[in-house]
N, C-alpha and C. Protein backbone atom coordinates (compact mmCIF):
# COMPACT_ATOMS: atom_id res chain seq x y z
N MET A 1 1.81 1.26 -4.52
CA MET A 1 1.15 0.13 -3.96
C MET A 1 1.35 -1.08 -4.87
N LEU A 2 1.15 -0.87 -6.14
CA LEU A 2 1.29 -1.96 -7.10
C LEU A 2 2.72 -2.49 -7.12
N ILE A 3 3.69 -1.59 -7.06
CA ILE A 3 5.09 -2.01 -7.05
C ILE A 3 5.39 -2.81 -5.79
N LEU A 4 4.94 -2.34 -4.65
CA LEU A 4 5.19 -3.06 -3.40
C LEU A 4 4.61 -4.45 -3.43
N ARG A 5 3.38 -4.58 -3.89
CA ARG A 5 2.67 -5.87 -3.83
C ARG A 5 3.09 -6.82 -4.94
N ASP A 6 3.01 -6.36 -6.17
CA ASP A 6 3.20 -7.27 -7.30
C ASP A 6 4.65 -7.46 -7.72
N VAL A 7 5.47 -6.46 -7.51
CA VAL A 7 6.85 -6.56 -7.97
C VAL A 7 7.80 -6.91 -6.82
N LEU A 8 7.66 -6.23 -5.69
CA LEU A 8 8.57 -6.46 -4.58
C LEU A 8 8.10 -7.56 -3.64
N GLY A 9 6.87 -8.05 -3.83
CA GLY A 9 6.40 -9.20 -3.08
C GLY A 9 5.90 -8.94 -1.68
N PHE A 10 5.58 -7.69 -1.34
CA PHE A 10 5.00 -7.41 -0.03
C PHE A 10 3.62 -8.07 0.06
N THR A 11 3.22 -8.45 1.23
CA THR A 11 1.86 -8.96 1.43
C THR A 11 0.90 -7.78 1.45
N GLY A 12 -0.39 -8.06 1.31
CA GLY A 12 -1.39 -7.01 1.39
C GLY A 12 -1.32 -6.28 2.73
N ALA A 13 -1.08 -7.03 3.80
CA ALA A 13 -0.98 -6.43 5.13
C ALA A 13 0.25 -5.53 5.23
N GLU A 14 1.36 -5.94 4.63
CA GLU A 14 2.57 -5.12 4.67
C GLU A 14 2.39 -3.83 3.87
N VAL A 15 1.71 -3.93 2.73
CA VAL A 15 1.42 -2.73 1.93
C VAL A 15 0.52 -1.79 2.72
N ALA A 16 -0.51 -2.34 3.36
CA ALA A 16 -1.42 -1.53 4.16
C ALA A 16 -0.66 -0.81 5.27
N GLU A 17 0.23 -1.52 5.94
CA GLU A 17 1.01 -0.91 7.02
C GLU A 17 1.92 0.20 6.48
N ALA A 18 2.57 -0.05 5.33
CA ALA A 18 3.46 0.95 4.75
C ALA A 18 2.71 2.19 4.31
N MET A 19 1.43 2.02 3.95
CA MET A 19 0.63 3.15 3.48
C MET A 19 -0.31 3.68 4.55
N ASP A 20 -0.16 3.13 5.77
CA ASP A 20 -0.95 3.58 6.92
C ASP A 20 -2.46 3.48 6.66
N THR A 21 -2.88 2.28 6.22
CA THR A 21 -4.29 2.03 5.95
C THR A 21 -4.60 0.57 6.26
N THR A 22 -5.77 0.10 5.87
CA THR A 22 -6.15 -1.30 6.07
C THR A 22 -6.03 -2.05 4.75
N THR A 23 -6.19 -3.36 4.81
CA THR A 23 -6.06 -4.16 3.59
C THR A 23 -7.22 -3.97 2.62
N THR A 24 -8.39 -3.59 3.09
CA THR A 24 -9.55 -3.44 2.20
C THR A 24 -9.28 -2.43 1.08
N PRO A 25 -8.85 -1.20 1.40
CA PRO A 25 -8.57 -0.27 0.30
C PRO A 25 -7.36 -0.69 -0.54
N VAL A 26 -6.41 -1.39 0.07
CA VAL A 26 -5.25 -1.86 -0.68
C VAL A 26 -5.70 -2.80 -1.79
N TYR A 27 -6.51 -3.81 -1.44
CA TYR A 27 -6.94 -4.78 -2.45
C TYR A 27 -7.87 -4.13 -3.48
N SER A 28 -8.68 -3.20 -3.07
CA SER A 28 -9.56 -2.49 -3.99
C SER A 28 -8.73 -1.69 -5.00
N LEU A 29 -7.76 -0.95 -4.50
CA LEU A 29 -6.91 -0.15 -5.39
C LEU A 29 -6.05 -1.02 -6.29
N LEU A 30 -5.61 -2.17 -5.79
CA LEU A 30 -4.84 -3.08 -6.62
C LEU A 30 -5.67 -3.61 -7.80
N GLN A 31 -6.93 -3.93 -7.54
CA GLN A 31 -7.81 -4.39 -8.62
C GLN A 31 -7.96 -3.30 -9.68
N ARG A 32 -8.17 -2.08 -9.25
CA ARG A 32 -8.31 -0.96 -10.20
C ARG A 32 -7.00 -0.71 -10.94
N ALA A 33 -5.88 -0.80 -10.23
CA ALA A 33 -4.58 -0.57 -10.86
C ALA A 33 -4.30 -1.63 -11.92
N HIS A 34 -4.60 -2.90 -11.61
CA HIS A 34 -4.40 -3.97 -12.60
C HIS A 34 -5.24 -3.72 -13.84
N ALA A 35 -6.48 -3.34 -13.65
CA ALA A 35 -7.38 -3.08 -14.79
C ALA A 35 -6.85 -1.92 -15.63
N THR A 36 -6.39 -0.87 -14.99
CA THR A 36 -5.86 0.29 -15.71
C THR A 36 -4.60 -0.07 -16.48
N ILE A 37 -3.71 -0.81 -15.86
CA ILE A 37 -2.47 -1.21 -16.53
C ILE A 37 -2.77 -2.10 -17.73
N ASP A 38 -3.67 -3.06 -17.55
CA ASP A 38 -4.03 -3.94 -18.66
C ASP A 38 -4.61 -3.16 -19.83
N GLU A 39 -5.36 -2.11 -19.51
CA GLU A 39 -5.99 -1.30 -20.55
C GLU A 39 -5.00 -0.35 -21.23
N ARG A 40 -4.15 0.28 -20.45
CA ARG A 40 -3.30 1.34 -20.99
C ARG A 40 -1.88 0.93 -21.33
N LEU A 41 -1.35 -0.05 -20.61
CA LEU A 41 0.05 -0.43 -20.80
C LEU A 41 0.21 -1.93 -20.99
N PRO A 42 -0.41 -2.48 -22.03
CA PRO A 42 -0.34 -3.93 -22.19
C PRO A 42 1.05 -4.42 -22.60
N GLU A 43 1.93 -3.51 -22.99
CA GLU A 43 3.22 -3.91 -23.50
C GLU A 43 4.36 -3.45 -22.61
N ARG A 44 4.22 -3.69 -21.31
CA ARG A 44 5.26 -3.33 -20.34
C ARG A 44 5.62 -4.55 -19.50
N SER A 45 6.80 -4.51 -18.94
CA SER A 45 7.28 -5.59 -18.07
C SER A 45 8.14 -4.97 -16.98
N GLN A 46 8.27 -5.65 -15.85
CA GLN A 46 9.11 -5.17 -14.75
C GLN A 46 9.93 -6.32 -14.18
N MET A 47 11.08 -5.96 -13.58
CA MET A 47 11.94 -6.93 -12.90
C MET A 47 12.39 -6.34 -11.58
N GLN A 48 12.39 -7.17 -10.56
CA GLN A 48 12.83 -6.75 -9.23
C GLN A 48 14.33 -6.51 -9.24
N ALA A 49 14.77 -5.48 -8.51
CA ALA A 49 16.18 -5.13 -8.42
C ALA A 49 16.45 -4.52 -7.06
N SER A 50 17.67 -4.02 -6.88
CA SER A 50 18.07 -3.34 -5.66
C SER A 50 19.02 -2.22 -6.04
N ALA A 51 18.90 -1.09 -5.34
CA ALA A 51 19.78 0.05 -5.57
C ALA A 51 20.21 0.61 -4.23
N SER A 52 21.49 0.53 -3.94
CA SER A 52 22.04 0.99 -2.66
C SER A 52 21.31 0.35 -1.48
N GLY A 53 20.98 -0.92 -1.60
CA GLY A 53 20.31 -1.65 -0.53
C GLY A 53 18.82 -1.36 -0.41
N GLN A 54 18.27 -0.60 -1.33
CA GLN A 54 16.85 -0.27 -1.31
C GLN A 54 16.12 -1.08 -2.39
N PRO A 55 14.87 -1.44 -2.15
CA PRO A 55 14.13 -2.15 -3.19
C PRO A 55 13.95 -1.27 -4.41
N ALA A 56 14.03 -1.90 -5.58
CA ALA A 56 13.90 -1.16 -6.84
C ALA A 56 13.22 -2.04 -7.87
N VAL A 57 12.75 -1.41 -8.93
CA VAL A 57 12.08 -2.10 -10.02
C VAL A 57 12.62 -1.57 -11.34
N GLY A 58 13.07 -2.47 -12.19
CA GLY A 58 13.47 -2.09 -13.54
C GLY A 58 12.26 -2.20 -14.45
N ALA A 59 11.95 -1.15 -15.17
CA ALA A 59 10.80 -1.15 -16.08
C ALA A 59 11.29 -1.31 -17.51
N TYR A 60 10.60 -2.16 -18.25
CA TYR A 60 10.94 -2.46 -19.63
C TYR A 60 9.76 -2.11 -20.53
N ARG A 61 10.08 -1.69 -21.76
CA ARG A 61 9.04 -1.32 -22.72
C ARG A 61 9.22 -2.18 -23.97
N LEU A 62 8.11 -2.66 -24.52
CA LEU A 62 8.13 -3.46 -25.74
C LEU A 62 8.44 -2.55 -26.93
N GLU A 63 9.52 -2.86 -27.61
CA GLU A 63 9.94 -2.07 -28.77
C GLU A 63 9.45 -2.72 -30.06
N ASP A 64 9.59 -2.00 -31.16
CA ASP A 64 9.16 -2.51 -32.46
C ASP A 64 9.88 -3.80 -32.84
N SER A 65 11.07 -4.01 -32.27
CA SER A 65 11.85 -5.21 -32.54
C SER A 65 11.20 -6.45 -31.94
N GLY A 66 10.20 -6.25 -31.07
CA GLY A 66 9.55 -7.37 -30.39
C GLY A 66 10.21 -7.73 -29.07
N ARG A 67 11.25 -7.00 -28.70
CA ARG A 67 11.93 -7.25 -27.42
C ARG A 67 11.55 -6.19 -26.40
N PHE A 68 11.57 -6.58 -25.13
CA PHE A 68 11.39 -5.61 -24.06
C PHE A 68 12.76 -5.01 -23.77
N GLU A 69 12.88 -3.69 -23.85
CA GLU A 69 14.14 -3.01 -23.59
C GLU A 69 14.01 -2.15 -22.34
N PHE A 70 15.12 -2.11 -21.58
CA PHE A 70 15.14 -1.36 -20.33
C PHE A 70 14.74 0.09 -20.59
N HIS A 71 13.87 0.61 -19.70
CA HIS A 71 13.38 1.98 -19.86
C HIS A 71 13.79 2.87 -18.68
N HIS A 72 13.49 2.43 -17.44
CA HIS A 72 13.88 3.22 -16.28
C HIS A 72 13.91 2.35 -15.03
N LEU A 73 14.50 2.90 -13.97
CA LEU A 73 14.58 2.23 -12.68
C LEU A 73 13.79 3.05 -11.66
N MET A 74 12.92 2.39 -10.92
CA MET A 74 12.15 3.04 -9.85
C MET A 74 12.69 2.51 -8.52
N VAL A 75 13.14 3.42 -7.67
CA VAL A 75 13.71 3.06 -6.37
C VAL A 75 12.72 3.46 -5.27
N VAL A 76 12.44 2.53 -4.37
CA VAL A 76 11.52 2.75 -3.25
C VAL A 76 12.36 2.93 -1.99
N THR A 77 12.28 4.10 -1.38
CA THR A 77 12.99 4.35 -0.12
C THR A 77 12.00 4.16 1.02
N LEU A 78 12.34 3.25 1.91
CA LEU A 78 11.47 2.96 3.06
C LEU A 78 12.06 3.57 4.31
N ARG A 79 11.22 4.02 5.19
CA ARG A 79 11.60 4.45 6.52
C ARG A 79 10.87 3.51 7.46
N GLY A 80 11.62 2.57 8.03
CA GLY A 80 10.97 1.49 8.76
C GLY A 80 10.20 0.64 7.75
N ARG A 81 8.92 0.50 7.95
CA ARG A 81 8.09 -0.26 7.01
C ARG A 81 7.18 0.65 6.21
N LYS A 82 7.47 1.95 6.21
CA LYS A 82 6.64 2.92 5.49
C LYS A 82 7.42 3.50 4.31
N ILE A 83 6.70 3.81 3.24
CA ILE A 83 7.32 4.42 2.07
C ILE A 83 7.69 5.86 2.40
N ASP A 84 8.95 6.21 2.17
CA ASP A 84 9.40 7.58 2.39
C ASP A 84 9.52 8.32 1.06
N GLU A 85 10.03 7.63 0.02
CA GLU A 85 10.20 8.26 -1.29
C GLU A 85 10.08 7.24 -2.40
N LEU A 86 9.67 7.70 -3.57
CA LEU A 86 9.73 6.93 -4.82
C LEU A 86 10.51 7.80 -5.80
N ASN A 87 11.57 7.24 -6.37
CA ASN A 87 12.39 7.99 -7.32
C ASN A 87 12.57 7.19 -8.59
N ALA A 88 12.37 7.84 -9.73
CA ALA A 88 12.59 7.21 -11.03
C ALA A 88 13.88 7.74 -11.63
N PHE A 89 14.68 6.82 -12.16
CA PHE A 89 15.93 7.16 -12.81
C PHE A 89 15.85 6.67 -14.25
N HIS A 90 15.86 7.61 -15.18
CA HIS A 90 15.77 7.27 -16.59
C HIS A 90 17.16 7.12 -17.18
N ASP A 91 17.32 6.10 -17.99
CA ASP A 91 18.55 5.82 -18.73
C ASP A 91 19.77 5.45 -17.88
N PRO A 92 19.63 4.86 -16.70
CA PRO A 92 20.84 4.36 -16.03
C PRO A 92 21.27 3.06 -16.72
N ASP A 93 22.48 2.64 -16.47
CA ASP A 93 22.96 1.36 -17.01
C ASP A 93 22.30 0.24 -16.20
N PRO A 94 21.42 -0.56 -16.81
CA PRO A 94 20.73 -1.60 -16.04
C PRO A 94 21.67 -2.63 -15.43
N ALA A 95 22.82 -2.84 -16.04
CA ALA A 95 23.78 -3.82 -15.51
C ALA A 95 24.26 -3.44 -14.11
N LEU A 96 24.29 -2.14 -13.80
CA LEU A 96 24.71 -1.69 -12.47
C LEU A 96 23.78 -2.20 -11.37
N PHE A 97 22.56 -2.60 -11.76
CA PHE A 97 21.56 -3.07 -10.80
C PHE A 97 21.24 -4.54 -10.99
N GLY A 98 22.11 -5.24 -11.72
CA GLY A 98 21.92 -6.66 -11.96
C GLY A 98 20.78 -6.97 -12.92
N LEU A 99 20.43 -6.00 -13.76
CA LEU A 99 19.33 -6.18 -14.71
C LEU A 99 19.85 -6.30 -16.12
N PRO A 100 19.17 -7.08 -16.95
CA PRO A 100 19.56 -7.16 -18.36
C PRO A 100 19.08 -5.94 -19.14
N ALA A 101 19.72 -5.65 -20.25
CA ALA A 101 19.31 -4.54 -21.11
C ALA A 101 18.02 -4.87 -21.84
N THR A 102 17.80 -6.15 -22.10
CA THR A 102 16.56 -6.60 -22.74
C THR A 102 16.00 -7.77 -21.96
N ALA A 103 14.68 -7.93 -22.05
CA ALA A 103 14.03 -9.02 -21.32
C ALA A 103 13.09 -9.76 -22.25
């Protein structure tokens, strides 16, 4: 849900439709997800990408060097407007997806 809304730019209504629910639980869960991420993962970053025509997100982790370095790629497979699969690929070459190695 968080990836669809905050990274891929879906509207709350589009996320609700993809998850077969209403916008009320979507916004409630987004608030909780933001709070959890801020608490547990303050040193992460994401960039929008595409993999084989599917929406994807490149995840970066803050390293001791002070730079965000590519960590993994999350690919969202949609069937119509609904999520069919979420797949994480660790250690792919970020350049293959138009992403930088560091951010």
